[in-house]
Protein backbone atom coordinates (compact mmCIF):
# COMPACT_ATOMS: atom_id res chain seq x y z
CA MET A 1 -10.37 -33.17 -33.58
CA GLY A 2 -6.59 -34.52 -33.47
CA ALA A 3 -4.56 -37.21 -35.19
CA GLU A 4 -1.41 -38.46 -34.40
CA VAL A 5 -0.68 -39.71 -38.06
CA LEU A 6 -2.29 -37.31 -41.18
CA GLY A 7 -2.19 -39.58 -44.34
CA VAL A 8 -2.23 -37.70 -47.80
CA HIS A 9 -2.87 -40.13 -50.72
CA GLY A 10 -1.90 -40.16 -54.27
CA VAL A 11 -3.13 -40.58 -57.54
CA GLY A 12 -6.34 -42.58 -58.99
CA ASN A 13 -8.29 -41.85 -55.80
CA TRP A 14 -11.49 -39.85 -56.73
CA ARG A 15 -14.50 -41.66 -56.42
CA SER A 16 -18.20 -40.26 -57.41
CA VAL A 17 -18.85 -40.42 -53.64
CA LEU A 18 -18.85 -37.22 -51.30
CA PRO A 19 -15.45 -36.16 -50.19
CA ALA A 20 -15.88 -36.81 -46.77
CA ASP A 21 -17.14 -40.19 -47.74
CA ARG A 22 -13.99 -41.29 -49.80
CA ALA A 23 -11.74 -39.56 -47.22
CA ALA A 24 -13.54 -41.91 -44.48
CA THR A 25 -12.54 -45.26 -47.01
CA LEU A 26 -9.38 -44.26 -47.27
CA LYS A 27 -8.57 -43.74 -43.62
CA ARG A 28 -9.89 -47.14 -42.98
CA ASP A 29 -8.00 -48.41 -45.58
CA TRP A 30 -4.35 -46.54 -44.28
CA SER A 31 -5.46 -47.21 -40.57
CA ASP A 32 -5.50 -51.32 -41.14
CA ALA A 33 -2.25 -51.03 -43.12
CA LEU A 34 -0.03 -49.14 -40.87
CA GLY A 35 -1.02 -50.43 -37.63
CA VAL A 36 -2.34 -46.77 -36.31
CA THR A 37 -5.58 -46.08 -34.79
CA SER A 38 -5.51 -42.03 -34.98
CA LEU A 39 -5.27 -41.52 -38.20
CA GLU A 40 -7.18 -38.79 -40.41
CA VAL A 41 -6.54 -38.59 -44.41
CA ALA A 42 -6.45 -35.41 -46.35
CA TYR A 43 -8.63 -35.61 -49.43
CA TYR A 44 -8.17 -33.73 -52.48
CA ALA A 45 -8.60 -36.10 -55.70
CA HIS A 46 -12.11 -34.09 -56.35
CA HIS A 47 -10.10 -30.84 -57.24
CA LEU A 48 -8.27 -32.90 -59.98
CA SER A 49 -11.17 -35.25 -60.85
CA LEU A 50 -10.53 -36.96 -64.66
CA ASP A 51 -14.58 -37.70 -65.04
CA HIS A 52 -14.72 -35.21 -67.56
CA HIS A 53 -11.58 -36.31 -69.53
CA GLY A 54 -12.33 -40.19 -70.06
CA ASP A 55 -10.46 -41.76 -66.88
CA ASP A 56 -9.03 -44.47 -68.81
CA ASP A 57 -8.94 -42.99 -72.20
CA LEU A 58 -5.30 -42.28 -72.83
CA GLU A 59 -5.82 -40.91 -76.13
CA LEU A 60 -8.38 -38.76 -74.99
CA LEU A 61 -6.72 -37.58 -72.27
CA ASP A 62 -3.39 -36.87 -74.06
CA LYS A 63 -5.85 -34.17 -76.18
CA ALA A 64 -7.20 -32.84 -73.73
CA PHE A 65 -4.25 -31.48 -71.98
CA ALA A 66 -2.81 -30.59 -75.78
CA GLY A 67 -0.07 -33.52 -75.66
CA ALA A 68 0.98 -32.30 -72.55
CA PRO A 69 0.65 -36.11 -70.66
CA ALA A 70 2.33 -37.80 -73.44
CA GLU A 71 5.37 -35.24 -72.97
CA LEU A 72 5.22 -36.68 -69.32
CA LEU A 73 5.48 -40.05 -70.04
CA ALA A 74 8.19 -39.92 -71.85
CA CYS A 75 10.01 -38.61 -69.58
CA TRP A 76 8.91 -40.80 -67.22
CA MET A 77 9.87 -43.29 -69.49
CA GLN A 78 13.29 -42.24 -70.03
CA ALA A 79 14.04 -41.81 -66.66
CA ILE A 80 13.31 -45.27 -66.20
CA ALA A 81 15.70 -45.83 -69.04
CA LEU A 82 18.54 -43.93 -67.26
CA ALA A 83 17.94 -46.65 -64.43
CA GLY A 84 18.75 -49.25 -66.36
CA GLU A 85 15.80 -50.11 -68.17
CA PRO A 86 16.17 -50.68 -72.08
CA ASP A 87 15.92 -47.89 -75.14
CA HIS A 88 12.07 -48.18 -76.02
CA GLY A 89 11.91 -45.91 -72.80
CA ARG A 90 13.46 -43.31 -74.77
CA ALA A 91 11.72 -43.23 -77.83
CA LEU A 92 8.84 -40.06 -77.86
CA ALA A 93 6.48 -43.35 -79.39
CA PRO A 94 2.88 -42.79 -79.36
CA ILE A 95 1.18 -43.04 -75.56
CA ARG A 96 -0.23 -46.59 -76.06
CA GLN A 97 3.06 -48.20 -77.39
CA LEU A 98 4.37 -47.02 -74.56
CA ALA A 99 1.27 -48.45 -72.24
CA ALA A 100 1.91 -51.68 -74.36
CA TRP A 101 5.89 -51.58 -73.26
CA TRP A 102 4.82 -51.27 -69.87
CA VAL A 103 2.41 -54.29 -69.94
CA GLN A 104 4.92 -56.14 -71.47
CA ARG A 105 8.21 -55.63 -69.48
CA TYR A 106 6.15 -55.84 -66.05
CA GLY A 107 3.59 -58.70 -66.52
CA LEU A 108 0.92 -56.50 -65.41
CA ASP A 109 -3.08 -56.35 -66.59
CA ARG A 110 -3.31 -53.74 -69.51
CA ASP A 111 -6.62 -52.42 -68.05
CA VAL A 112 -5.07 -51.68 -64.79
CA VAL A 113 -1.81 -50.26 -66.60
CA ASP A 114 -4.03 -47.68 -68.82
CA ARG A 115 -6.04 -46.60 -66.16
CA PHE A 116 -3.03 -46.19 -63.77
CA LEU A 117 -1.43 -44.33 -66.31
CA ALA A 118 -4.68 -42.18 -67.25
CA ALA A 119 -4.57 -41.01 -63.01
CA PHE A 120 -1.39 -40.39 -62.54
CA LEU A 121 -1.00 -38.70 -66.02
CA GLY A 122 -4.02 -37.06 -65.52
CA GLU A 123 -3.57 -35.37 -62.06
CA VAL A 124 0.09 -34.65 -62.50
CA VAL A 125 -0.74 -32.80 -65.53
CA CYS A 126 -3.67 -31.40 -64.14
CA TYR A 127 -2.30 -30.47 -60.94
CA PHE A 128 1.26 -28.80 -62.56
CA ASP A 129 -1.43 -26.78 -65.37
CA PRO A 130 -0.15 -23.41 -65.81
CA LEU A 131 -3.45 -21.96 -67.17
CA ALA A 132 -5.33 -22.94 -64.20
CA PRO A 133 -3.33 -22.30 -60.93
CA ALA A 134 -6.26 -22.39 -59.14
CA ARG A 135 -6.63 -26.29 -58.71
CA ARG A 136 -2.59 -26.26 -57.56
CA GLN A 137 -3.70 -23.80 -54.92
CA ALA A 138 -7.04 -25.60 -53.74
CA VAL A 139 -5.33 -28.97 -53.64
CA ARG A 140 -2.76 -27.46 -51.27
CA THR A 141 -5.02 -25.55 -49.36
CA GLU A 142 -7.07 -28.52 -48.66
CA VAL A 143 -3.97 -30.36 -47.19
CA ALA A 144 -3.21 -27.43 -45.63
CA THR A 145 -6.43 -27.60 -43.79
CA ALA A 146 -6.39 -30.85 -42.68
CA ILE A 147 -3.16 -30.44 -40.71
CA SER A 148 -4.46 -27.30 -38.78
CA LEU A 149 -7.30 -29.02 -37.91
CA HIS A 150 -5.92 -32.16 -36.79
CA ARG A 151 -2.63 -31.53 -36.01
CA PRO A 152 -0.66 -34.71 -36.70
CA ARG A 153 2.56 -35.50 -35.30
CA VAL A 154 3.26 -37.35 -38.47
CA VAL A 155 2.28 -37.24 -42.16
CA VAL A 156 2.48 -39.82 -44.39
CA ALA A 157 2.30 -38.48 -47.83
CA HIS A 158 1.98 -41.21 -50.86
CA SER A 159 2.92 -40.66 -54.82
CA LEU A 160 1.39 -37.12 -55.87
CA GLY A 161 0.88 -36.78 -52.63
CA SER A 162 3.79 -36.55 -51.74
CA VAL A 163 4.14 -33.71 -53.97
CA VAL A 164 1.37 -31.71 -52.97
CA THR A 165 2.57 -32.05 -49.16
CA TYR A 166 6.30 -30.52 -50.04
CA GLU A 167 4.73 -27.58 -51.59
CA THR A 168 2.11 -27.13 -48.84
CA LEU A 169 4.46 -27.26 -45.90
CA TRP A 170 6.69 -24.94 -48.04
CA SER A 171 3.63 -22.46 -48.61
CA TYR A 172 2.45 -22.49 -45.07
CA PRO A 173 5.63 -22.55 -42.73
CA ALA A 174 4.01 -22.06 -39.83
CA LEU A 175 2.19 -25.39 -39.95
CA GLN A 176 4.78 -27.58 -37.59
CA VAL A 177 4.94 -31.53 -38.65
CA GLU A 178 7.67 -33.62 -36.15
CA LEU A 179 8.01 -36.27 -39.03
CA LEU A 180 6.76 -36.07 -42.67
CA VAL A 181 7.11 -39.24 -43.97
CA THR A 182 7.08 -39.74 -48.19
CA ILE A 183 6.16 -42.82 -49.90
CA GLY A 184 6.75 -44.21 -53.48
CA SER A 185 7.58 -40.59 -54.29
CA PRO A 186 7.95 -39.07 -57.42
CA LEU A 187 9.61 -35.60 -55.66
CA GLY A 188 12.81 -36.04 -58.04
CA LEU A 189 11.49 -36.84 -61.77
CA PRO A 190 13.46 -34.85 -63.75
CA ASP A 191 11.61 -32.05 -66.18
CA ARG A 192 8.29 -32.42 -65.08
CA ILE A 193 8.08 -32.79 -61.88
CA HIS A 194 11.05 -31.62 -59.93
CA PRO A 195 12.13 -28.72 -61.46
CA LEU A 196 8.56 -27.54 -61.40
CA LEU A 197 8.50 -27.41 -57.90
CA GLN A 198 7.21 -24.58 -55.69
CA PRO A 199 9.65 -23.15 -54.10
CA ALA A 200 11.74 -23.63 -57.42
CA PRO A 201 14.83 -26.03 -56.12
CA VAL A 202 18.15 -23.81 -56.08
CA ASP A 203 21.38 -24.97 -58.05
CA GLY A 204 18.62 -28.72 -58.27
CA LYS A 205 18.27 -28.95 -54.91
CA GLY A 206 14.97 -28.92 -53.06
CA GLY A 207 15.48 -29.03 -49.26
CA ARG A 208 13.11 -30.10 -46.21
CA PRO A 209 10.11 -27.75 -45.32
CA PRO A 210 10.94 -25.23 -42.46
CA GLY A 211 8.02 -26.68 -40.31
CA VAL A 212 9.24 -30.63 -40.39
CA GLY A 213 11.76 -31.86 -37.78
CA ARG A 214 12.64 -35.18 -39.69
CA TRP A 215 12.30 -36.25 -43.23
CA VAL A 216 12.09 -39.74 -44.14
CA ASN A 217 11.70 -41.02 -47.62
CA VAL A 218 11.10 -44.69 -48.24
CA ALA A 219 10.43 -45.99 -51.92
CA ASP A 220 10.92 -49.45 -53.24
CA PRO A 221 13.52 -50.01 -55.71
CA ALA A 222 10.83 -51.63 -58.62
CA ASP A 223 8.12 -48.64 -58.13
CA LEU A 224 8.47 -47.73 -61.59
CA VAL A 225 6.71 -44.08 -59.64
CA ALA A 226 9.59 -43.14 -57.27
CA ILE A 227 12.02 -42.63 -59.98
CA PRO A 228 14.58 -41.69 -58.44
CA PRO A 229 14.19 -43.93 -55.52
CA GLU A 230 16.80 -42.04 -53.34
CA LEU A 231 15.94 -38.17 -53.30
CA GLN A 232 19.17 -37.11 -51.13
CA GLY A 233 20.63 -36.21 -54.65
CA CYS A 234 18.17 -33.37 -55.44
CA PHE A 235 17.01 -32.75 -52.19
CA SER A 236 18.75 -31.70 -48.60
CA ASP A 237 17.81 -33.09 -44.94
CA VAL A 238 16.32 -36.25 -46.17
CA GLU A 239 16.80 -39.72 -45.12
CA ASP A 240 16.07 -42.22 -47.74
CA PHE A 241 15.21 -45.93 -47.10
CA SER A 242 14.47 -49.25 -49.27
CA ALA A 243 11.50 -50.97 -48.67
CA PRO A 244 10.73 -53.91 -50.76
CA ALA A 245 6.47 -53.48 -51.15
CA GLY A 246 6.01 -56.96 -52.98
CA MET A 247 5.63 -58.39 -56.45
CA GLY A 248 3.64 -57.24 -59.17
CA PHE A 249 2.02 -53.41 -58.79
CA THR A 250 4.58 -51.53 -55.77
CA HIS A 251 3.13 -48.77 -55.97
CA ALA A 252 -0.09 -48.73 -53.82
CA ALA A 253 -0.20 -46.72 -50.58
CA THR A 254 -1.51 -49.89 -48.63
CA ARG A 255 1.56 -51.74 -49.46
CA TYR A 256 4.15 -49.33 -48.65
CA LEU A 257 2.14 -48.78 -45.20
CA ALA A 258 1.99 -52.90 -44.26
CA THR A 259 6.20 -52.70 -45.07
CA ARG A 260 8.37 -53.10 -41.91
CA VAL A 261 10.02 -49.80 -42.58
CA VAL A 262 7.36 -47.67 -42.69
CA ARG A 263 5.74 -49.22 -39.47
CA SER A 264 8.97 -48.94 -37.79
CA VAL A 265 9.37 -45.51 -38.72
CA VAL A 266 6.36 -44.18 -37.69
CA GLY A 267 5.75 -46.89 -34.46
CA GLU A 268 9.34 -45.50 -33.18
CA HIS A 269 8.41 -42.08 -33.65
CA LEU A 270 5.08 -42.26 -32.08
CA ARG A 271 6.47 -44.03 -28.95
CA PRO A 272 6.03 -43.02 -25.45
CA ARG A 273 9.34 -41.16 -24.93
């Protein structure tokens, strides 16, 4: 059951199919993009399923979680504004107004933006929901079980999956991973993600999990989820790399996996010594 690489997916991956079937699809897509055959995927989206919250209906989602998604989105847009975006991102505007700004600023399809924002906001809020800690633990247990079962040399974690993996490896320090690669990671997002991590950052800084030999973070400077793109300012013992992942919506996992930087980092580590 071993695999050299274990992938941990990000948001927007829940489907109304068996978890094993969805994991098999992601395994194929990730293997093709990364160019690695010995790869498995830890699938956890079914623990954060949003099918009963309306999926792409942002107002319904916001109401279901008592305004927490709108607060997260406002914080997120403020972080983008602080990185050089216009002042529109600072306003506590209605959630759809902020989505419309996103569409206009980056030329993306509105339906795609609504679905992605609902997935990101909903799953992040679900994961950090203090009223339902069992979901957070179930997700971490899923990833810990996959690492224990497959014993990968490399773990590649995308988007929210990087948050899940970070907390999992801290929660289960006996798990050993030679190389952790985070891609498109929001681990450093102020206020709504970074300070809520477990264990909590000390003096504003987290650290490399104890069982990880090397931690590499890769971000596209245009990725609106990887804010800030470099993690060295809020974590110790992490190496930051920049990797353009293409035009348009740059956050997709397969785009990152296909970049020269990610393929190189993983490939060089797996090359026979």
